[in-house]
Amino acid sequence: MSTHRHTAARSTIPTETTIFGARGIKSDIELGMLQMQILWLLKRKPTHGYELMKELELRKNKKITQGTLYPTLQKLEKGGFVQREKDGQRIVYQITNSGEKILHDSCLEFCKTFFGIYQDFVCTKCVKK
């Protein structure tokens, strides 16, 4: 038996065909809050990393480091959700069509989950045992 198929590198980076929502298939990695926020900001306008970092810091009210932001952008780029272009000395990131789709699907999934948890929480407070 050939070992080639067993030793092939497997990517843990989400792709349009493996991330939940895009094709209805769950993946190993679902979009986290930071990824959703980055895609949301890029949907509003293409921007460079430093501006993204500052905008996220304002919205989250906590410092976002380059060590957090850039690996997240790389994962989104490898997944096909973000692309970058060189603009003079800066690299500008923008959301792709796949990124817009996954953002939409992730927001729907987040709302279903959040409101399910919220409803359970409220109902357990309302019902006396």
N, C-alpha and C. Protein backbone atom coordinates (compact mmCIF):
# COMPACT_ATOMS: atom_id res chain seq x y z
N MET A 1 0.84 -1.18 0.00
CA MET A 1 0.00 0.00 0.00
C MET A 1 0.88 1.24 0.00
N SER A 2 0.58 2.15 -0.85
CA SER A 2 1.35 3.39 -0.96
C SER A 2 1.10 4.26 0.27
N THR A 3 2.14 4.90 0.75
CA THR A 3 1.98 5.80 1.89
C THR A 3 1.74 7.23 1.45
N HIS A 4 1.81 7.46 0.12
CA HIS A 4 1.66 8.82 -0.39
C HIS A 4 0.35 9.47 0.06
N ARG A 5 -0.74 8.76 -0.05
CA ARG A 5 -2.02 9.37 0.30
C ARG A 5 -2.15 9.60 1.80
N HIS A 6 -1.35 8.88 2.60
CA HIS A 6 -1.40 9.05 4.04
C HIS A 6 -0.48 10.16 4.53
N THR A 7 0.48 10.53 3.71
CA THR A 7 1.43 11.55 4.13
C THR A 7 1.18 12.89 3.48
N ALA A 8 0.16 12.97 2.65
CA ALA A 8 -0.15 14.25 2.00
C ALA A 8 -0.51 15.28 3.06
N ALA A 9 0.00 16.47 2.88
CA ALA A 9 -0.28 17.55 3.84
C ALA A 9 -1.76 17.89 3.80
N ARG A 10 -2.32 18.08 4.98
CA ARG A 10 -3.72 18.48 5.07
C ARG A 10 -3.76 19.90 5.61
N SER A 11 -4.58 20.70 5.00
CA SER A 11 -4.69 22.09 5.42
C SER A 11 -5.79 22.24 6.45
N THR A 12 -5.50 22.98 7.50
CA THR A 12 -6.54 23.29 8.48
C THR A 12 -7.12 24.67 8.21
N ILE A 13 -6.72 25.26 7.11
CA ILE A 13 -7.24 26.56 6.72
C ILE A 13 -8.62 26.36 6.10
N PRO A 14 -9.62 27.15 6.54
CA PRO A 14 -10.95 26.97 5.97
C PRO A 14 -10.96 27.37 4.50
N THR A 15 -11.74 26.67 3.73
CA THR A 15 -11.96 27.04 2.34
C THR A 15 -13.44 27.16 2.12
N GLU A 16 -13.80 27.73 1.01
CA GLU A 16 -15.22 27.94 0.73
C GLU A 16 -15.99 26.62 0.76
N THR A 17 -15.34 25.54 0.37
CA THR A 17 -16.06 24.28 0.32
C THR A 17 -16.07 23.54 1.64
N THR A 18 -15.27 23.98 2.62
CA THR A 18 -15.24 23.24 3.88
C THR A 18 -15.74 24.02 5.08
N ILE A 19 -15.81 25.31 5.00
CA ILE A 19 -16.24 26.07 6.17
C ILE A 19 -17.76 26.04 6.27
N PHE A 20 -18.27 26.07 7.48
CA PHE A 20 -19.71 25.92 7.64
C PHE A 20 -20.44 27.06 6.96
N GLY A 21 -21.65 26.78 6.55
CA GLY A 21 -22.48 27.81 5.95
C GLY A 21 -22.30 27.95 4.46
N ALA A 22 -21.07 28.00 3.99
CA ALA A 22 -20.86 28.24 2.57
C ALA A 22 -21.43 27.12 1.71
N ARG A 23 -21.30 25.91 2.17
CA ARG A 23 -21.85 24.77 1.44
C ARG A 23 -22.66 23.88 2.39
N GLY A 24 -22.94 24.37 3.59
CA GLY A 24 -23.69 23.59 4.54
C GLY A 24 -22.88 22.49 5.20
N ILE A 25 -21.57 22.58 5.14
CA ILE A 25 -20.69 21.57 5.71
C ILE A 25 -19.90 22.20 6.85
N LYS A 26 -19.86 21.55 7.99
CA LYS A 26 -19.06 22.06 9.11
C LYS A 26 -17.58 21.78 8.84
N SER A 27 -16.73 22.68 9.30
CA SER A 27 -15.30 22.49 9.13
C SER A 27 -14.64 22.38 10.49
N ASP A 28 -13.33 22.17 10.48
CA ASP A 28 -12.58 22.15 11.72
C ASP A 28 -12.50 23.55 12.31
N ILE A 29 -12.56 24.55 11.46
CA ILE A 29 -12.44 25.93 11.92
C ILE A 29 -13.67 26.69 11.47
N GLU A 30 -14.40 27.23 12.43
CA GLU A 30 -15.52 28.10 12.10
C GLU A 30 -15.04 29.53 12.32
N LEU A 31 -15.69 30.45 11.66
CA LEU A 31 -15.26 31.84 11.80
C LEU A 31 -15.42 32.28 13.25
N GLY A 32 -14.35 32.82 13.80
CA GLY A 32 -14.40 33.39 15.13
C GLY A 32 -14.81 34.85 15.06
N MET A 33 -14.98 35.44 16.22
CA MET A 33 -15.41 36.83 16.27
C MET A 33 -14.43 37.76 15.58
N LEU A 34 -13.14 37.56 15.79
CA LEU A 34 -12.15 38.43 15.16
C LEU A 34 -12.21 38.31 13.64
N GLN A 35 -12.33 37.09 13.14
CA GLN A 35 -12.43 36.90 11.69
C GLN A 35 -13.69 37.57 11.15
N MET A 36 -14.80 37.43 11.86
CA MET A 36 -16.04 38.07 11.43
C MET A 36 -15.89 39.60 11.42
N GLN A 37 -15.26 40.14 12.47
CA GLN A 37 -15.07 41.59 12.54
C GLN A 37 -14.18 42.09 11.41
N ILE A 38 -13.13 41.36 11.11
CA ILE A 38 -12.23 41.76 10.02
C ILE A 38 -12.99 41.75 8.70
N LEU A 39 -13.72 40.68 8.43
CA LEU A 39 -14.49 40.62 7.18
C LEU A 39 -15.52 41.73 7.11
N TRP A 40 -16.17 42.01 8.23
CA TRP A 40 -17.18 43.08 8.27
C TRP A 40 -16.54 44.43 7.95
N LEU A 41 -15.39 44.71 8.55
CA LEU A 41 -14.70 45.98 8.28
C LEU A 41 -14.25 46.06 6.82
N LEU A 42 -13.75 44.95 6.28
CA LEU A 42 -13.31 44.94 4.89
C LEU A 42 -14.48 45.03 3.92
N LYS A 43 -15.64 44.57 4.34
CA LYS A 43 -16.82 44.72 3.49
C LYS A 43 -17.20 46.20 3.37
N ARG A 44 -16.97 46.94 4.44
CA ARG A 44 -17.27 48.38 4.42
C ARG A 44 -16.32 49.12 3.50
N LYS A 45 -15.02 48.74 3.54
CA LYS A 45 -14.04 49.35 2.63
C LYS A 45 -12.72 48.59 2.70
N PRO A 46 -12.03 48.47 1.57
CA PRO A 46 -10.69 47.87 1.58
C PRO A 46 -9.78 48.73 2.45
N THR A 47 -8.87 48.12 3.16
CA THR A 47 -8.01 48.88 4.05
C THR A 47 -6.70 48.15 4.30
N HIS A 48 -5.73 48.86 4.83
CA HIS A 48 -4.43 48.26 5.14
C HIS A 48 -4.42 47.76 6.58
N GLY A 49 -3.44 46.94 6.89
CA GLY A 49 -3.38 46.27 8.19
C GLY A 49 -3.36 47.19 9.38
N TYR A 50 -2.58 48.26 9.32
CA TYR A 50 -2.49 49.17 10.47
C TYR A 50 -3.84 49.82 10.74
N GLU A 51 -4.52 50.24 9.69
CA GLU A 51 -5.83 50.86 9.87
C GLU A 51 -6.83 49.84 10.43
N LEU A 52 -6.76 48.61 9.95
CA LEU A 52 -7.61 47.54 10.49
C LEU A 52 -7.35 47.35 11.98
N MET A 53 -6.08 47.31 12.35
CA MET A 53 -5.70 47.12 13.74
C MET A 53 -6.27 48.24 14.62
N LYS A 54 -6.15 49.47 14.17
CA LYS A 54 -6.66 50.61 14.93
C LYS A 54 -8.18 50.59 15.02
N GLU A 55 -8.84 50.24 13.94
CA GLU A 55 -10.31 50.18 13.93
C GLU A 55 -10.81 49.08 14.87
N LEU A 56 -10.14 47.94 14.86
CA LEU A 56 -10.51 46.85 15.76
C LEU A 56 -10.30 47.23 17.22
N GLU A 57 -9.20 47.93 17.49
CA GLU A 57 -8.93 48.38 18.86
C GLU A 57 -10.03 49.32 19.35
N LEU A 58 -10.48 50.22 18.48
CA LEU A 58 -11.57 51.13 18.86
C LEU A 58 -12.85 50.36 19.16
N ARG A 59 -13.17 49.41 18.33
CA ARG A 59 -14.43 48.67 18.47
C ARG A 59 -14.39 47.68 19.62
N LYS A 60 -13.25 47.05 19.85
CA LYS A 60 -13.14 46.04 20.89
C LYS A 60 -12.70 46.64 22.23
N ASN A 61 -12.23 47.87 22.20
CA ASN A 61 -11.72 48.55 23.38
C ASN A 61 -10.59 47.76 24.04
N LYS A 62 -9.78 47.11 23.21
CA LYS A 62 -8.58 46.45 23.70
C LYS A 62 -7.56 46.38 22.57
N LYS A 63 -6.30 46.29 22.95
CA LYS A 63 -5.21 46.31 21.97
C LYS A 63 -5.20 45.02 21.15
N ILE A 64 -5.08 45.19 19.85
CA ILE A 64 -4.92 44.08 18.92
C ILE A 64 -3.48 44.15 18.43
N THR A 65 -2.74 43.08 18.58
CA THR A 65 -1.33 43.10 18.18
C THR A 65 -1.18 42.63 16.73
N GLN A 66 -0.04 42.95 16.16
CA GLN A 66 0.29 42.46 14.82
C GLN A 66 0.33 40.94 14.82
N GLY A 67 0.78 40.37 15.93
CA GLY A 67 0.87 38.92 16.07
C GLY A 67 -0.48 38.23 16.09
N THR A 68 -1.53 38.98 16.35
CA THR A 68 -2.89 38.45 16.28
C THR A 68 -3.52 38.75 14.93
N LEU A 69 -3.37 39.98 14.47
CA LEU A 69 -4.04 40.42 13.24
C LEU A 69 -3.51 39.72 11.99
N TYR A 70 -2.21 39.75 11.78
CA TYR A 70 -1.67 39.27 10.50
C TYR A 70 -1.82 37.75 10.28
N PRO A 71 -1.65 36.92 11.30
CA PRO A 71 -1.94 35.49 11.08
C PRO A 71 -3.42 35.24 10.76
N THR A 72 -4.30 36.04 11.35
CA THR A 72 -5.73 35.91 11.06
C THR A 72 -6.01 36.32 9.62
N LEU A 73 -5.40 37.41 9.18
CA LEU A 73 -5.55 37.84 7.78
C LEU A 73 -5.00 36.78 6.83
N GLN A 74 -3.87 36.16 7.19
CA GLN A 74 -3.29 35.11 6.34
C GLN A 74 -4.23 33.92 6.22
N LYS A 75 -4.86 33.52 7.32
CA LYS A 75 -5.81 32.41 7.27
C LYS A 75 -7.00 32.76 6.38
N LEU A 76 -7.49 33.98 6.52
CA LEU A 76 -8.62 34.42 5.69
C LEU A 76 -8.21 34.47 4.22
N GLU A 77 -6.98 34.91 3.97
CA GLU A 77 -6.49 34.97 2.59
C GLU A 77 -6.32 33.57 2.00
N LYS A 78 -5.73 32.67 2.76
CA LYS A 78 -5.55 31.29 2.27
C LYS A 78 -6.89 30.60 2.06
N GLY A 79 -7.90 30.98 2.82
CA GLY A 79 -9.23 30.43 2.65
C GLY A 79 -9.98 31.02 1.47
N GLY A 80 -9.42 32.08 0.88
CA GLY A 80 -10.06 32.71 -0.27
C GLY A 80 -11.10 33.75 0.11
N PHE A 81 -11.10 34.19 1.37
CA PHE A 81 -12.09 35.15 1.85
C PHE A 81 -11.60 36.59 1.80
N VAL A 82 -10.29 36.75 1.69
CA VAL A 82 -9.65 38.07 1.64
C VAL A 82 -8.57 38.01 0.57
N GLN A 83 -8.38 39.12 -0.12
CA GLN A 83 -7.23 39.21 -1.03
C GLN A 83 -6.51 40.51 -0.74
N ARG A 84 -5.26 40.54 -1.13
CA ARG A 84 -4.48 41.75 -0.88
C ARG A 84 -3.88 42.27 -2.17
N GLU A 85 -3.67 43.58 -2.17
CA GLU A 85 -3.02 44.25 -3.30
C GLU A 85 -2.02 45.23 -2.74
N LYS A 86 -0.94 45.37 -3.46
CA LYS A 86 0.08 46.34 -3.07
C LYS A 86 -0.37 47.72 -3.56
N ASP A 87 -0.35 48.68 -2.65
CA ASP A 87 -0.72 50.06 -2.97
C ASP A 87 0.43 50.95 -2.50
N GLY A 88 1.40 51.14 -3.38
CA GLY A 88 2.59 51.89 -2.99
C GLY A 88 3.38 51.07 -1.98
N GLN A 89 3.60 51.64 -0.81
CA GLN A 89 4.34 50.95 0.25
C GLN A 89 3.44 50.05 1.10
N ARG A 90 2.14 50.20 0.97
CA ARG A 90 1.20 49.48 1.82
C ARG A 90 0.55 48.31 1.09
N ILE A 91 0.11 47.35 1.89
CA ILE A 91 -0.71 46.25 1.37
C ILE A 91 -2.13 46.52 1.81
N VAL A 92 -3.03 46.57 0.85
CA VAL A 92 -4.44 46.83 1.13
C VAL A 92 -5.20 45.51 1.02
N TYR A 93 -6.00 45.22 2.03
CA TYR A 93 -6.80 44.00 2.06
C TYR A 93 -8.23 44.33 1.66
N GLN A 94 -8.85 43.38 0.95
CA GLN A 94 -10.26 43.55 0.61
C GLN A 94 -10.95 42.20 0.67
N ILE A 95 -12.24 42.24 0.95
CA ILE A 95 -13.04 41.02 1.05
C ILE A 95 -13.34 40.51 -0.36
N THR A 96 -13.40 39.20 -0.51
CA THR A 96 -13.75 38.58 -1.79
C THR A 96 -15.24 38.22 -1.78
N ASN A 97 -15.74 37.77 -2.92
CA ASN A 97 -17.13 37.30 -2.97
C ASN A 97 -17.35 36.15 -2.00
N SER A 98 -16.38 35.24 -1.93
CA SER A 98 -16.46 34.13 -0.97
C SER A 98 -16.46 34.64 0.46
N GLY A 99 -15.68 35.69 0.71
CA GLY A 99 -15.65 36.30 2.04
C GLY A 99 -16.98 36.91 2.41
N GLU A 100 -17.62 37.58 1.45
CA GLU A 100 -18.95 38.16 1.71
C GLU A 100 -19.96 37.07 2.01
N LYS A 101 -19.88 35.97 1.26
CA LYS A 101 -20.81 34.85 1.47
C LYS A 101 -20.60 34.23 2.84
N ILE A 102 -19.36 33.97 3.21
CA ILE A 102 -19.09 33.33 4.49
C ILE A 102 -19.42 34.26 5.64
N LEU A 103 -19.22 35.56 5.48
CA LEU A 103 -19.60 36.53 6.51
C LEU A 103 -21.11 36.49 6.72
N HIS A 104 -21.86 36.51 5.64
CA HIS A 104 -23.32 36.44 5.72
C HIS A 104 -23.77 35.16 6.43
N ASP A 105 -23.24 34.03 5.99
CA ASP A 105 -23.62 32.74 6.57
C ASP A 105 -23.20 32.64 8.03
N SER A 106 -22.03 33.16 8.36
CA SER A 106 -21.55 33.12 9.74
C SER A 106 -22.39 34.00 10.65
N CYS A 107 -22.80 35.15 10.15
CA CYS A 107 -23.67 36.03 10.94
C CYS A 107 -25.01 35.36 11.22
N LEU A 108 -25.57 34.69 10.22
CA LEU A 108 -26.83 33.97 10.43
C LEU A 108 -26.64 32.87 11.47
N GLU A 109 -25.57 32.11 11.35
CA GLU A 109 -25.29 31.03 12.30
C GLU A 109 -25.07 31.58 13.70
N PHE A 110 -24.34 32.68 13.80
CA PHE A 110 -24.10 33.31 15.10
C PHE A 110 -25.42 33.74 15.73
N CYS A 111 -26.29 34.37 14.95
CA CYS A 111 -27.58 34.83 15.48
C CYS A 111 -28.43 33.66 15.96
N LYS A 112 -28.47 32.59 15.19
CA LYS A 112 -29.24 31.41 15.62
C LYS A 112 -28.69 30.87 16.93
N THR A 113 -27.39 30.76 17.04
CA THR A 113 -26.77 30.25 18.26
C THR A 113 -27.00 31.19 19.42
N PHE A 114 -26.71 32.49 19.21
CA PHE A 114 -26.83 33.47 20.29
C PHE A 114 -28.26 33.53 20.81
N PHE A 115 -29.23 33.62 19.92
CA PHE A 115 -30.61 33.75 20.36
C PHE A 115 -31.12 32.46 20.99
N GLY A 116 -30.61 31.32 20.58
CA GLY A 116 -30.95 30.06 21.24
C GLY A 116 -30.45 30.04 22.67
N ILE A 117 -29.21 30.45 22.86
CA ILE A 117 -28.64 30.52 24.21
C ILE A 117 -29.39 31.55 25.04
N TYR A 118 -29.64 32.71 24.46
CA TYR A 118 -30.34 33.78 25.17
C TYR A 118 -31.73 33.32 25.59
N GLN A 119 -32.45 32.67 24.68
CA GLN A 119 -33.80 32.19 24.98
C GLN A 119 -33.76 31.17 26.12
N ASP A 120 -32.83 30.25 26.08
CA ASP A 120 -32.70 29.27 27.17
C ASP A 120 -32.41 29.97 28.49
N PHE A 121 -31.55 30.96 28.47
CA PHE A 121 -31.19 31.70 29.68
C PHE A 121 -32.40 32.43 30.24
N VAL A 122 -33.12 33.15 29.39
CA VAL A 122 -34.28 33.91 29.83
C VAL A 122 -35.37 32.98 30.33
N CYS A 123 -35.62 31.90 29.61
CA CYS A 123 -36.69 30.97 30.00
C CYS A 123 -36.40 30.30 31.33
N THR A 124 -35.13 29.98 31.60
CA THR A 124 -34.82 29.36 32.90
C THR A 124 -34.97 30.35 34.03
N LYS A 125 -34.85 31.64 33.75
CA LYS A 125 -35.05 32.67 34.78
C LYS A 125 -36.54 32.92 35.02
N CYS A 126 -37.36 32.69 33.98
CA CYS A 126 -38.79 32.98 34.08
C CYS A 126 -39.58 31.83 34.70
N VAL A 127 -39.13 30.63 34.47
CA VAL A 127 -39.87 29.45 34.94
C VAL A 127 -39.37 29.08 36.33
N LYS A 128 -40.30 29.10 37.28
CA LYS A 128 -39.93 28.71 38.64
C LYS A 128 -40.14 27.22 38.80
N LYS A 129 -39.20 26.59 39.45
CA LYS A 129 -39.30 25.14 39.63
C LYS A 129 -39.80 24.81 41.01
